[in-house]
């Protein structure tokens, strides 16, 4: 009387050994998205692929520029994980009905600004929830285990949502603009999937006991997270900080 709600995984890795030379487009996109945290990005995908029950941080891809590859990354995730991926709007977080994402493994929000505190708290709760109460139209509520990972893409670099200084559930990446546009990149990424999956399988097992979200607060901390946390300060704190900085910078 139990049902596996994880949709069938449609891709199969190839049998022979794979090198980075077999997946230049996939690694190129990952390097563009994750920059100096490329190894963490590869580990993130290995865990989503091999250990879909593992809790992971909320991945936020931010950039005010256009043509950065954020949407291409989401499209690639959709092709990779098929029906285990869904894309929702911030309004869906405020809706009482959640059946659209309650059984998904990857929940993506594109072009997102989350300005309501209720939606922010719900998003943080989703990132660490072990179960979820499914609210579906014309069906009585029922509870299921929940293993959703959240990916946010937004053009707002510092003010897409409020993130407190104590928060350790967010991984922020500032994505640069792409120098030259490759119109065939999605087809190339799709062609590399069997090789990319084999590449992930070849990697050594990842230590998951350092933190409940695998990556520690020190690993997730970067300048982009710091700037968003400062932008989340109250207006009074910002004003006091400016006054103090002005005083110490202009008076001996």
Protein backbone atom coordinates (compact mmCIF):
# COMPACT_ATOMS: atom_id res chain seq x y z
CA UNK A 1 0.00 0.00 0.00
CA UNK A 2 2.87 2.35 -0.71
CA UNK A 3 3.49 4.30 -3.90
CA UNK A 4 6.73 5.76 -5.20
CA UNK A 5 5.81 9.31 -6.23
CA UNK A 6 9.21 9.93 -7.86
CA UNK A 7 8.61 9.91 -11.61
CA UNK A 8 10.61 7.41 -13.71
CA UNK A 9 14.05 8.75 -14.62
CA UNK A 10 14.14 8.74 -18.42
CA UNK A 11 17.91 9.00 -19.03
CA UNK A 12 20.53 6.27 -18.75
CA UNK A 13 24.28 6.83 -18.41
CA UNK A 14 26.55 5.26 -20.99
CA UNK A 15 28.62 2.20 -20.05
CA UNK A 16 32.18 3.27 -20.76
CA UNK A 17 34.45 5.66 -18.86
CA UNK A 18 33.85 9.38 -19.42
CA UNK A 19 36.30 12.28 -19.30
CA UNK A 20 35.65 16.01 -19.18
CA UNK A 21 36.36 16.10 -22.91
CA UNK A 22 33.06 14.25 -23.48
CA UNK A 23 30.97 16.96 -21.77
CA UNK A 24 32.45 20.37 -22.71
CA UNK A 25 29.09 22.14 -23.03
CA UNK A 26 27.72 20.82 -19.72
CA UNK A 27 30.89 21.72 -17.81
CA UNK A 28 31.02 25.09 -19.56
CA UNK A 29 27.50 25.95 -18.37
CA UNK A 30 28.27 24.77 -14.82
CA UNK A 31 31.48 26.81 -14.71
CA UNK A 32 29.56 29.86 -15.93
CA UNK A 33 26.85 29.41 -13.28
CA UNK A 34 28.97 28.40 -10.28
CA UNK A 35 32.28 30.17 -11.01
CA UNK A 36 34.81 29.60 -8.23
CA UNK A 37 32.33 27.25 -6.52
CA UNK A 38 32.24 24.86 -9.50
CA UNK A 39 33.09 21.79 -7.41
CA UNK A 40 30.16 22.54 -5.09
CA UNK A 41 27.89 22.92 -8.12
CA UNK A 42 28.91 19.53 -9.50
CA UNK A 43 28.43 17.95 -6.06
CA UNK A 44 24.98 19.58 -5.87
CA UNK A 45 23.91 17.90 -9.13
CA UNK A 46 25.45 14.56 -8.15
CA UNK A 47 23.41 14.58 -4.94
CA UNK A 48 20.16 15.54 -6.68
CA UNK A 49 20.75 12.73 -9.19
CA UNK A 50 21.99 9.95 -6.89
CA UNK A 51 20.40 10.93 -3.56
CA UNK A 52 17.08 12.66 -4.31
CA UNK A 53 16.06 12.44 -0.62
CA UNK A 54 19.02 14.57 0.52
CA UNK A 55 18.19 18.04 1.85
CA UNK A 56 20.06 20.79 0.00
CA UNK A 57 20.25 24.61 0.31
CA UNK A 58 18.04 26.97 -1.70
CA UNK A 59 20.07 27.82 -4.81
CA UNK A 60 19.56 31.45 -5.92
CA UNK A 61 20.91 32.57 -9.30
CA UNK A 62 20.87 36.36 -9.45
CA UNK A 63 21.84 38.92 -12.11
CA UNK A 64 20.32 42.19 -13.30
CA UNK A 65 21.80 41.58 -16.73
CA UNK A 66 20.04 39.72 -19.53
CA UNK A 67 21.34 36.70 -21.45
CA UNK A 68 23.16 35.18 -18.47
CA UNK A 69 22.14 31.53 -18.89
CA UNK A 70 19.90 31.29 -15.80
CA UNK A 71 16.87 30.16 -17.81
CA UNK A 72 19.04 27.80 -19.86
CA UNK A 73 20.16 26.17 -16.61
CA UNK A 74 16.52 25.70 -15.52
CA UNK A 75 15.60 24.25 -18.90
CA UNK A 76 18.51 21.83 -18.60
CA UNK A 77 17.32 20.78 -15.14
CA UNK A 78 13.87 20.17 -16.60
CA UNK A 79 15.25 17.96 -19.37
CA UNK A 80 17.50 16.10 -16.91
CA UNK A 81 14.89 15.37 -14.25
CA UNK A 82 11.72 15.34 -16.34
CA UNK A 83 8.49 15.11 -14.35
CA UNK A 84 10.40 15.40 -11.08
CA UNK A 85 10.95 19.08 -11.96
CA UNK A 86 8.33 21.82 -11.84
CA UNK A 87 8.34 25.60 -12.23
CA UNK A 88 6.01 27.73 -10.13
CA UNK A 89 5.26 31.42 -9.50
CA UNK A 90 5.72 33.23 -6.16
CA UNK A 91 1.91 33.47 -6.02
CA UNK A 92 1.76 29.68 -5.82
CA UNK A 93 3.55 29.86 -2.46
CA UNK A 94 0.66 31.93 -1.09
CA UNK A 95 -1.99 29.64 -2.55
CA UNK A 96 -3.71 27.13 -0.30
CA UNK A 97 -3.33 24.50 -3.02
CA UNK A 98 0.12 22.93 -3.32
CA UNK A 99 -0.42 19.70 -5.25
CA UNK A 100 1.49 21.18 -8.23
CA UNK A 101 4.82 20.99 -6.39
CA UNK A 102 4.28 18.82 -3.30
CA UNK A 103 5.57 15.65 -5.01
CA UNK A 104 8.36 17.26 -7.06
CA UNK A 105 12.07 16.92 -6.39
CA UNK A 106 13.14 20.24 -7.95
CA UNK A 107 10.97 23.34 -7.58
CA UNK A 108 12.08 26.28 -9.70
CA UNK A 109 10.99 29.92 -9.50
CA UNK A 110 12.04 32.12 -12.43
CA UNK A 111 12.10 35.96 -12.55
CA UNK A 112 11.23 35.97 -8.89
CA UNK A 113 10.68 38.69 -6.29
CA UNK A 114 9.32 37.42 -2.98
CA UNK A 115 8.27 40.41 -0.94
CA UNK A 116 5.69 38.89 1.41
CA UNK A 117 7.05 37.59 4.70
CA UNK A 118 4.58 34.69 4.63
CA UNK A 119 5.95 33.49 1.28
CA UNK A 120 9.55 33.87 2.51
CA UNK A 121 8.89 31.79 5.61
CA UNK A 122 7.03 29.17 3.57
CA UNK A 123 9.95 28.95 1.16
CA UNK A 124 12.41 28.44 4.02
CA UNK A 125 10.11 25.82 5.52
CA UNK A 126 9.93 23.96 2.20
CA UNK A 127 13.74 23.80 2.06
CA UNK A 128 13.96 21.73 5.25
CA UNK A 129 10.54 20.04 5.54
CA UNK A 130 10.51 16.25 5.91
CA UNK A 131 6.79 15.93 5.16
CA UNK A 132 4.20 18.10 3.44
CA UNK A 133 0.44 18.26 3.74
CA UNK A 134 -0.93 18.03 0.21
CA UNK A 135 -3.88 20.33 -0.39
CA UNK A 136 -5.57 19.39 -3.65
CA UNK A 137 -8.88 20.63 -5.03
CA UNK A 138 -11.82 18.38 -4.18
CA UNK A 139 -9.55 15.94 -2.31
CA UNK A 140 -9.10 15.64 1.45
CA UNK A 141 -5.70 16.74 2.73
CA UNK A 142 -3.11 14.02 3.11
CA UNK A 143 0.54 14.00 4.17
CA UNK A 144 3.48 12.63 2.15
CA UNK A 145 7.28 12.63 2.63
CA UNK A 146 8.79 15.70 0.99
CA UNK A 147 12.18 16.01 -0.68
CA UNK A 148 11.90 19.24 -2.69
CA UNK A 149 14.94 21.31 -3.64
CA UNK A 150 14.33 24.97 -4.52
CA UNK A 151 16.10 26.91 -7.30
CA UNK A 152 15.37 30.65 -7.62
CA UNK A 153 16.32 32.78 -10.63
CA UNK A 154 15.86 36.53 -10.45
CA UNK A 155 16.98 39.81 -12.04
CA UNK A 156 17.03 41.44 -8.60
CA UNK A 157 20.54 41.02 -7.22
CA UNK A 158 20.07 42.31 -3.68
CA UNK A 159 16.40 42.79 -2.92
CA UNK A 160 14.50 39.81 -4.34
CA UNK A 161 13.70 38.63 -0.80
CA UNK A 162 14.66 39.22 2.82
CA UNK A 163 17.49 37.02 4.11
CA UNK A 164 18.48 37.39 7.77
CA UNK A 165 22.10 37.32 8.90
CA UNK A 166 21.55 34.07 10.81
CA UNK A 167 20.10 32.31 7.77
CA UNK A 168 22.08 29.29 6.51
CA UNK A 169 19.62 27.86 3.96
CA UNK A 170 20.58 30.01 0.95
CA UNK A 171 23.31 29.61 -1.65
CA UNK A 172 23.61 32.79 -3.74
CA UNK A 173 25.39 32.87 -7.11
CA UNK A 174 25.82 36.04 -9.17
CA UNK A 175 25.70 34.90 -12.80
CA UNK A 176 27.68 37.01 -15.32
CA UNK A 177 26.48 37.87 -18.80
CA UNK A 178 27.37 35.47 -21.61
CA UNK A 179 29.90 36.90 -24.05
CA UNK A 180 28.79 34.94 -27.12
CA UNK A 181 25.36 33.39 -27.58
CA UNK A 182 25.17 29.69 -28.54
CA UNK A 183 21.72 29.13 -30.04
CA UNK A 184 22.22 25.35 -30.08
CA UNK A 185 23.30 24.98 -26.45
CA UNK A 186 20.12 23.25 -25.23
CA UNK A 187 20.36 20.59 -27.96
CA UNK A 188 24.04 20.10 -27.14
CA UNK A 189 23.31 19.80 -23.41
CA UNK A 190 20.63 17.20 -24.12
CA UNK A 191 23.02 15.17 -26.31
CA UNK A 192 25.61 15.14 -23.51
CA UNK A 193 23.22 13.91 -20.79
CA UNK A 194 24.20 10.17 -20.92
CA UNK A 195 27.87 11.18 -20.69
CA UNK A 196 27.21 13.75 -17.96
CA UNK A 197 25.32 11.24 -15.81
CA UNK A 198 28.18 8.76 -16.14
CA UNK A 199 30.60 11.53 -15.18
CA UNK A 200 28.58 12.21 -12.01
CA UNK A 201 28.55 8.52 -11.13
CA UNK A 202 32.32 8.28 -11.54
CA UNK A 203 32.93 10.99 -8.94
CA UNK A 204 33.82 9.90 -5.38
CA UNK A 205 31.00 9.67 -2.87
CA UNK A 206 30.21 12.98 -1.17
CA UNK A 207 30.44 13.44 2.59
CA UNK A 208 26.96 14.46 3.78
CA UNK A 209 27.47 14.50 7.56
CA UNK A 210 29.07 17.96 7.83
CA UNK A 211 25.69 19.71 7.74
CA UNK A 212 22.02 18.79 7.36
CA UNK A 213 22.23 20.53 3.95
CA UNK A 214 25.59 18.90 3.09
CA UNK A 215 27.31 22.28 2.55
CA UNK A 216 28.39 24.15 5.68
CA UNK A 217 27.58 27.80 6.40
CA UNK A 218 31.23 28.67 5.67
CA UNK A 219 31.03 27.03 2.24
CA UNK A 220 27.78 28.82 1.35
CA UNK A 221 28.94 32.22 2.58
CA UNK A 222 30.15 34.63 -0.13
CA UNK A 223 30.05 38.32 -1.01
CA UNK A 224 26.70 37.98 -2.79
CA UNK A 225 25.01 36.55 0.30
CA UNK A 226 26.56 39.28 2.46
CA UNK A 227 25.21 42.05 0.19
CA UNK A 228 21.68 40.60 0.24
CA UNK A 229 21.75 40.25 4.02
CA UNK A 230 22.83 43.90 4.36
CA UNK A 231 20.08 44.96 1.97
CA UNK A 232 17.64 43.09 4.25
CA UNK A 233 18.50 45.36 7.20
CA UNK A 234 15.73 47.57 8.51
CA UNK A 235 15.68 51.16 7.23
CA UNK A 236 16.56 52.42 10.73
CA UNK A 237 19.64 50.18 10.93
CA UNK A 238 20.77 51.32 7.47
CA UNK A 239 20.39 54.97 8.45
CA UNK A 240 22.30 54.55 11.71
CA UNK A 241 25.09 52.68 9.88
CA UNK A 242 25.41 55.50 7.32
CA UNK A 243 25.56 58.13 10.06
CA UNK A 244 28.25 56.23 11.97
CA UNK A 245 30.32 55.64 8.82
CA UNK A 246 30.05 59.32 7.92
CA UNK A 247 31.12 60.37 11.44
CA UNK A 248 34.19 58.11 11.59
CA UNK A 249 35.23 58.90 8.01
CA UNK A 250 35.07 62.70 8.37
CA UNK A 251 36.07 63.45 11.97
CA UNK A 252 39.39 62.79 13.64
